[in-house]
Amino acid sequence: MAEPILVATAVITGLVGAYKAYTEYKAATAKATEQKVPPPPKGEAAAQGEQAAPIIKTGVAQHGDADEQADLANFERNPARYEAAMAKVLADIAARAPAFAGQLQTIAEQANIQTGGVQGNVTVNDQGKIIGTAVGVNIGTIEGTYTVCPDDE
């Protein structure tokens, strides 16, 4: 039996973000056509999403249950509202369908969607307040190393 392929959270988050950008671009283009104005330019994320969309749609149709397919339809209708649900759908399907997980990994690499982890610096002080830039969505476990100095309270 083949080992399951684990798709990194960053890959799924990147794919959903690109698919969201593409869905929003399509809606903006349709609105521009309706209003008889020039369509907006297609950004890099929308172009990446255009590559990822068919793989995601086909994978959810083939491997997803009725609820997951409904989540995809909801995401396409309102991507901002259903972005987290779509990430969970992709993670769940990838966990049980290694072929789909492999397709997600491949399309992320081909579309040059983030495949590494999120890296950054955060400063914790003043009774545990976190000060720093937070970017992206983290679904899963976050690990870190903490150093406590002798003069810390």
C-alpha atoms as a PDB file:
ATOM      1  CA  MET A   1       0.000   0.000   0.000  1.00  0.00           C
ATOM      2  CA  ALA A   2       1.316   3.443  -0.899  1.00  0.00           C
ATOM      3  CA  GLU A   3       2.102   5.924   1.831  1.00  0.00           C
ATOM      4  CA  PRO A   4      -0.334   8.827   2.051  1.00  0.00           C
ATOM      5  CA  ILE A   5       0.945  12.124   0.716  1.00  0.00           C
ATOM      6  CA  LEU A   6       0.823  14.920   3.238  1.00  0.00           C
ATOM      7  CA  VAL A   7       0.048  18.295   1.734  1.00  0.00           C
ATOM      8  CA  ALA A   8       1.476  21.175   3.728  1.00  0.00           C
ATOM      9  CA  THR A   9      -0.904  23.691   5.223  1.00  0.00           C
ATOM     10  CA  ALA A  10       0.921  26.419   3.312  1.00  0.00           C
ATOM     11  CA  VAL A  11       0.138  24.655   0.018  1.00  0.00           C
ATOM     12  CA  ILE A  12      -3.561  24.369   0.812  1.00  0.00           C
ATOM     13  CA  THR A  13      -3.735  27.940   2.085  1.00  0.00           C
ATOM     14  CA  GLY A  14      -1.923  29.141  -1.048  1.00  0.00           C
ATOM     15  CA  LEU A  15      -4.219  27.179  -3.366  1.00  0.00           C
ATOM     16  CA  VAL A  16      -7.369  28.439  -1.652  1.00  0.00           C
ATOM     17  CA  GLY A  17      -6.049  32.007  -1.723  1.00  0.00           C
ATOM     18  CA  ALA A  18      -5.274  31.750  -5.433  1.00  0.00           C
ATOM     19  CA  TYR A  19      -8.639  30.155  -6.174  1.00  0.00           C
ATOM     20  CA  LYS A  20     -10.313  32.947  -4.176  1.00  0.00           C
ATOM     21  CA  ALA A  21      -8.444  35.583  -6.212  1.00  0.00           C
ATOM     22  CA  TYR A  22      -9.538  33.892  -9.436  1.00  0.00           C
ATOM     23  CA  THR A  23     -13.164  33.656  -8.305  1.00  0.00           C
ATOM     24  CA  GLU A  24     -13.154  37.337  -7.329  1.00  0.00           C
ATOM     25  CA  TYR A  25     -11.501  38.234 -10.644  1.00  0.00           C
ATOM     26  CA  LYS A  26     -14.208  36.363 -12.584  1.00  0.00           C
ATOM     27  CA  ALA A  27     -16.928  38.197 -10.634  1.00  0.00           C
ATOM     28  CA  ALA A  28     -15.244  41.565 -11.256  1.00  0.00           C
ATOM     29  CA  THR A  29     -14.885  40.773 -14.968  1.00  0.00           C
ATOM     30  CA  ALA A  30     -18.553  39.796 -15.229  1.00  0.00           C
ATOM     31  CA  LYS A  31     -19.562  43.016 -13.472  1.00  0.00           C
ATOM     32  CA  ALA A  32     -17.329  45.072 -15.794  1.00  0.00           C
ATOM     33  CA  THR A  33     -18.879  43.409 -18.836  1.00  0.00           C
ATOM     34  CA  GLU A  34     -22.353  44.116 -17.471  1.00  0.00           C
ATOM     35  CA  GLN A  35     -21.451  47.769 -16.907  1.00  0.00           C
ATOM     36  CA  LYS A  36     -19.719  47.961 -20.310  1.00  0.00           C
ATOM     37  CA  VAL A  37     -16.390  49.032 -18.850  1.00  0.00           C
ATOM     38  CA  PRO A  38     -12.950  47.478 -19.388  1.00  0.00           C
ATOM     39  CA  PRO A  39     -12.320  44.402 -17.268  1.00  0.00           C
ATOM     40  CA  PRO A  40      -9.777  44.623 -14.465  1.00  0.00           C
ATOM     41  CA  PRO A  41      -6.288  43.269 -15.105  1.00  0.00           C
ATOM     42  CA  LYS A  42      -5.734  39.662 -14.068  1.00  0.00           C
ATOM     43  CA  GLY A  43      -3.250  39.590 -11.204  1.00  0.00           C
ATOM     44  CA  GLU A  44      -0.711  36.876 -10.531  1.00  0.00           C
ATOM     45  CA  ALA A  45      -2.851  35.248  -7.829  1.00  0.00           C
ATOM     46  CA  ALA A  46      -5.874  35.132 -10.164  1.00  0.00           C
ATOM     47  CA  ALA A  47      -3.730  33.510 -12.877  1.00  0.00           C
ATOM     48  CA  GLN A  48      -2.519  30.926 -10.357  1.00  0.00           C
ATOM     49  CA  GLY A  49      -6.100  30.315  -9.284  1.00  0.00           C
ATOM     50  CA  GLU A  50      -7.155  29.848 -12.884  1.00  0.00           C
ATOM     51  CA  GLN A  51      -4.634  26.988 -13.111  1.00  0.00           C
ATOM     52  CA  ALA A  52      -5.710  25.465  -9.799  1.00  0.00           C
ATOM     53  CA  ALA A  53      -9.502  25.789 -10.189  1.00  0.00           C
ATOM     54  CA  PRO A  54     -10.100  22.850 -12.568  1.00  0.00           C
ATOM     55  CA  ILE A  55      -7.992  20.485 -10.439  1.00  0.00           C
ATOM     56  CA  ILE A  56      -9.775  21.532  -7.252  1.00  0.00           C
ATOM     57  CA  LYS A  57     -13.258  21.349  -8.796  1.00  0.00           C
ATOM     58  CA  THR A  58     -12.639  17.941 -10.351  1.00  0.00           C
ATOM     59  CA  GLY A  59     -11.034  16.587  -7.171  1.00  0.00           C
ATOM     60  CA  VAL A  60     -13.901  17.730  -4.953  1.00  0.00           C
ATOM     61  CA  ALA A  61     -16.427  16.293  -7.443  1.00  0.00           C
ATOM     62  CA  GLN A  62     -14.619  12.932  -7.546  1.00  0.00           C
ATOM     63  CA  HIS A  63     -13.493  12.535  -3.939  1.00  0.00           C
ATOM     64  CA  GLY A  64     -15.720  14.850  -1.909  1.00  0.00           C
ATOM     65  CA  ASP A  65     -18.973  13.996  -0.196  1.00  0.00           C
ATOM     66  CA  ALA A  66     -22.186  15.989  -0.640  1.00  0.00           C
ATOM     67  CA  ASP A  67     -21.277  18.457   2.133  1.00  0.00           C
ATOM     68  CA  GLU A  68     -17.818  19.088   0.683  1.00  0.00           C
ATOM     69  CA  GLN A  69     -19.309  19.654  -2.755  1.00  0.00           C
ATOM     70  CA  ALA A  70     -21.792  22.106  -1.218  1.00  0.00           C
ATOM     71  CA  ASP A  71     -18.884  23.874   0.519  1.00  0.00           C
ATOM     72  CA  LEU A  72     -17.184  24.283  -2.872  1.00  0.00           C
ATOM     73  CA  ALA A  73     -20.347  25.774  -4.363  1.00  0.00           C
ATOM     74  CA  ASN A  74     -20.642  28.138  -1.399  1.00  0.00           C
ATOM     75  CA  PHE A  75     -16.990  29.115  -1.770  1.00  0.00           C
ATOM     76  CA  GLU A  76     -17.443  29.925  -5.458  1.00  0.00           C
ATOM     77  CA  ARG A  77     -20.493  32.048  -4.610  1.00  0.00           C
ATOM     78  CA  ASN A  78     -18.878  33.876  -1.673  1.00  0.00           C
ATOM     79  CA  PRO A  79     -15.133  33.122  -1.438  1.00  0.00           C
ATOM     80  CA  ALA A  80     -14.383  35.529   1.405  1.00  0.00           C
ATOM     81  CA  ARG A  81     -16.981  33.946   3.664  1.00  0.00           C
ATOM     82  CA  TYR A  82     -16.152  30.310   2.887  1.00  0.00           C
ATOM     83  CA  GLU A  83     -12.357  30.513   2.542  1.00  0.00           C
ATOM     84  CA  ALA A  84     -11.633  28.639   5.801  1.00  0.00           C
ATOM     85  CA  ALA A  85     -14.244  25.995   4.988  1.00  0.00           C
ATOM     86  CA  MET A  86     -12.653  25.433   1.575  1.00  0.00           C
ATOM     87  CA  ALA A  87      -9.227  24.989   3.153  1.00  0.00           C
ATOM     88  CA  LYS A  88     -10.687  22.368   5.501  1.00  0.00           C
ATOM     89  CA  VAL A  89     -12.401  20.590   2.602  1.00  0.00           C
ATOM     90  CA  LEU A  90      -9.132  20.361   0.655  1.00  0.00           C
ATOM     91  CA  ALA A  91      -7.211  19.182   3.722  1.00  0.00           C
ATOM     92  CA  ASP A  92      -9.829  16.534   4.535  1.00  0.00           C
ATOM     93  CA  ILE A  93     -10.017  15.196   0.984  1.00  0.00           C
ATOM     94  CA  ALA A  94      -6.232  15.227   0.584  1.00  0.00           C
ATOM     95  CA  ALA A  95      -5.886  13.239   3.816  1.00  0.00           C
ATOM     96  CA  ARG A  96      -8.078  10.419   2.519  1.00  0.00           C
ATOM     97  CA  ALA A  97      -7.298  10.573  -1.239  1.00  0.00           C
ATOM     98  CA  PRO A  98      -3.530  10.376  -1.890  1.00  0.00           C
ATOM     99  CA  ALA A  99      -3.992  10.864  -5.644  1.00  0.00           C
ATOM    100  CA  PHE A 100      -5.776  14.171  -5.029  1.00  0.00           C
ATOM    101  CA  ALA A 101      -3.110  15.209  -2.518  1.00  0.00           C
ATOM    102  CA  GLY A 102      -0.487  14.582  -5.186  1.00  0.00           C
ATOM    103  CA  GLN A 103      -2.442  16.674  -7.689  1.00  0.00           C
ATOM    104  CA  LEU A 104      -2.670  19.550  -5.209  1.00  0.00           C
ATOM    105  CA  GLN A 105       1.060  19.414  -4.577  1.00  0.00           C
ATOM    106  CA  THR A 106       1.811  19.281  -8.318  1.00  0.00           C
ATOM    107  CA  ILE A 107      -0.498  22.161  -9.267  1.00  0.00           C
ATOM    108  CA  ALA A 108       0.922  24.273  -6.436  1.00  0.00           C
ATOM    109  CA  GLU A 109       4.434  23.691  -7.782  1.00  0.00           C
ATOM    110  CA  GLN A 110       3.422  24.316 -11.410  1.00  0.00           C
ATOM    111  CA  ALA A 111       1.550  27.511 -10.550  1.00  0.00           C
ATOM    112  CA  ASN A 112       4.391  28.618  -8.265  1.00  0.00           C
ATOM    113  CA  ILE A 113       2.094  28.800  -5.261  1.00  0.00           C
ATOM    114  CA  GLN A 114       3.755  28.923  -1.860  1.00  0.00           C
ATOM    115  CA  THR A 115       4.881  25.431  -0.907  1.00  0.00           C
ATOM    116  CA  GLY A 116       7.079  26.268   2.054  1.00  0.00           C
ATOM    117  CA  GLY A 117       6.151  27.260   5.550  1.00  0.00           C
ATOM    118  CA  VAL A 118       5.351  30.717   6.798  1.00  0.00           C
ATOM    119  CA  GLN A 119       8.303  32.430   8.377  1.00  0.00           C
ATOM    120  CA  GLY A 120       8.432  35.562  10.446  1.00  0.00           C
ATOM    121  CA  ASN A 121       9.456  37.130  13.717  1.00  0.00           C
ATOM    122  CA  VAL A 122       7.202  37.922  16.620  1.00  0.00           C
ATOM    123  CA  THR A 123       8.046  39.710  19.841  1.00  0.00           C
ATOM    124  CA  VAL A 124       6.169  38.753  23.002  1.00  0.00           C
ATOM    125  CA  ASN A 125       6.226  41.233  25.875  1.00  0.00           C
ATOM    126  CA  ASP A 126       3.965  43.240  28.166  1.00  0.00           C
ATOM    127  CA  GLN A 127       2.016  40.434  29.810  1.00  0.00           C
ATOM    128  CA  GLY A 128       2.087  38.185  26.766  1.00  0.00           C
ATOM    129  CA  LYS A 129       0.973  40.639  24.119  1.00  0.00           C
ATOM    130  CA  ILE A 130       2.208  39.618  20.696  1.00  0.00           C
ATOM    131  CA  ILE A 131       3.640  42.448  18.648  1.00  0.00           C
ATOM    132  CA  GLY A 132       4.525  41.790  15.034  1.00  0.00           C
ATOM    133  CA  THR A 133       3.159  41.175  11.581  1.00  0.00           C
ATOM    134  CA  ALA A 134       0.729  38.325  11.123  1.00  0.00           C
ATOM    135  CA  VAL A 135       0.144  37.148   7.572  1.00  0.00           C
ATOM    136  CA  GLY A 136      -1.909  34.260   6.251  1.00  0.00           C
ATOM    137  CA  VAL A 137      -4.076  31.666   7.879  1.00  0.00           C
ATOM    138  CA  ASN A 138      -2.612  28.940  10.037  1.00  0.00           C
ATOM    139  CA  ILE A 139      -4.602  25.727  10.179  1.00  0.00           C
ATOM    140  CA  GLY A 140      -2.850  23.163  12.316  1.00  0.00           C
ATOM    141  CA  THR A 141      -0.192  23.121  14.968  1.00  0.00           C
ATOM    142  CA  ILE A 142       2.190  25.984  15.533  1.00  0.00           C
ATOM    143  CA  GLU A 143       5.430  25.197  17.305  1.00  0.00           C
ATOM    144  CA  GLY A 144       8.017  27.528  18.708  1.00  0.00           C
ATOM    145  CA  THR A 145      10.929  27.912  21.080  1.00  0.00           C
ATOM    146  CA  TYR A 146      10.760  30.290  23.975  1.00  0.00           C
ATOM    147  CA  THR A 147      13.739  31.591  25.897  1.00  0.00           C
ATOM    148  CA  VAL A 148      13.050  33.022  29.313  1.00  0.00           C
ATOM    149  CA  CYS A 149      15.705  35.405  30.617  1.00  0.00           C
ATOM    150  CA  PRO A 150      16.526  35.547  34.342  1.00  0.00           C
ATOM    151  CA  ASP A 151      15.261  39.129  34.613  1.00  0.00           C
ATOM    152  CA  ASP A 152      11.864  38.250  33.031  1.00  0.00           C
ATOM    153  CA  GLU A 153       8.959  38.161  35.439  1.00  0.00           C
END
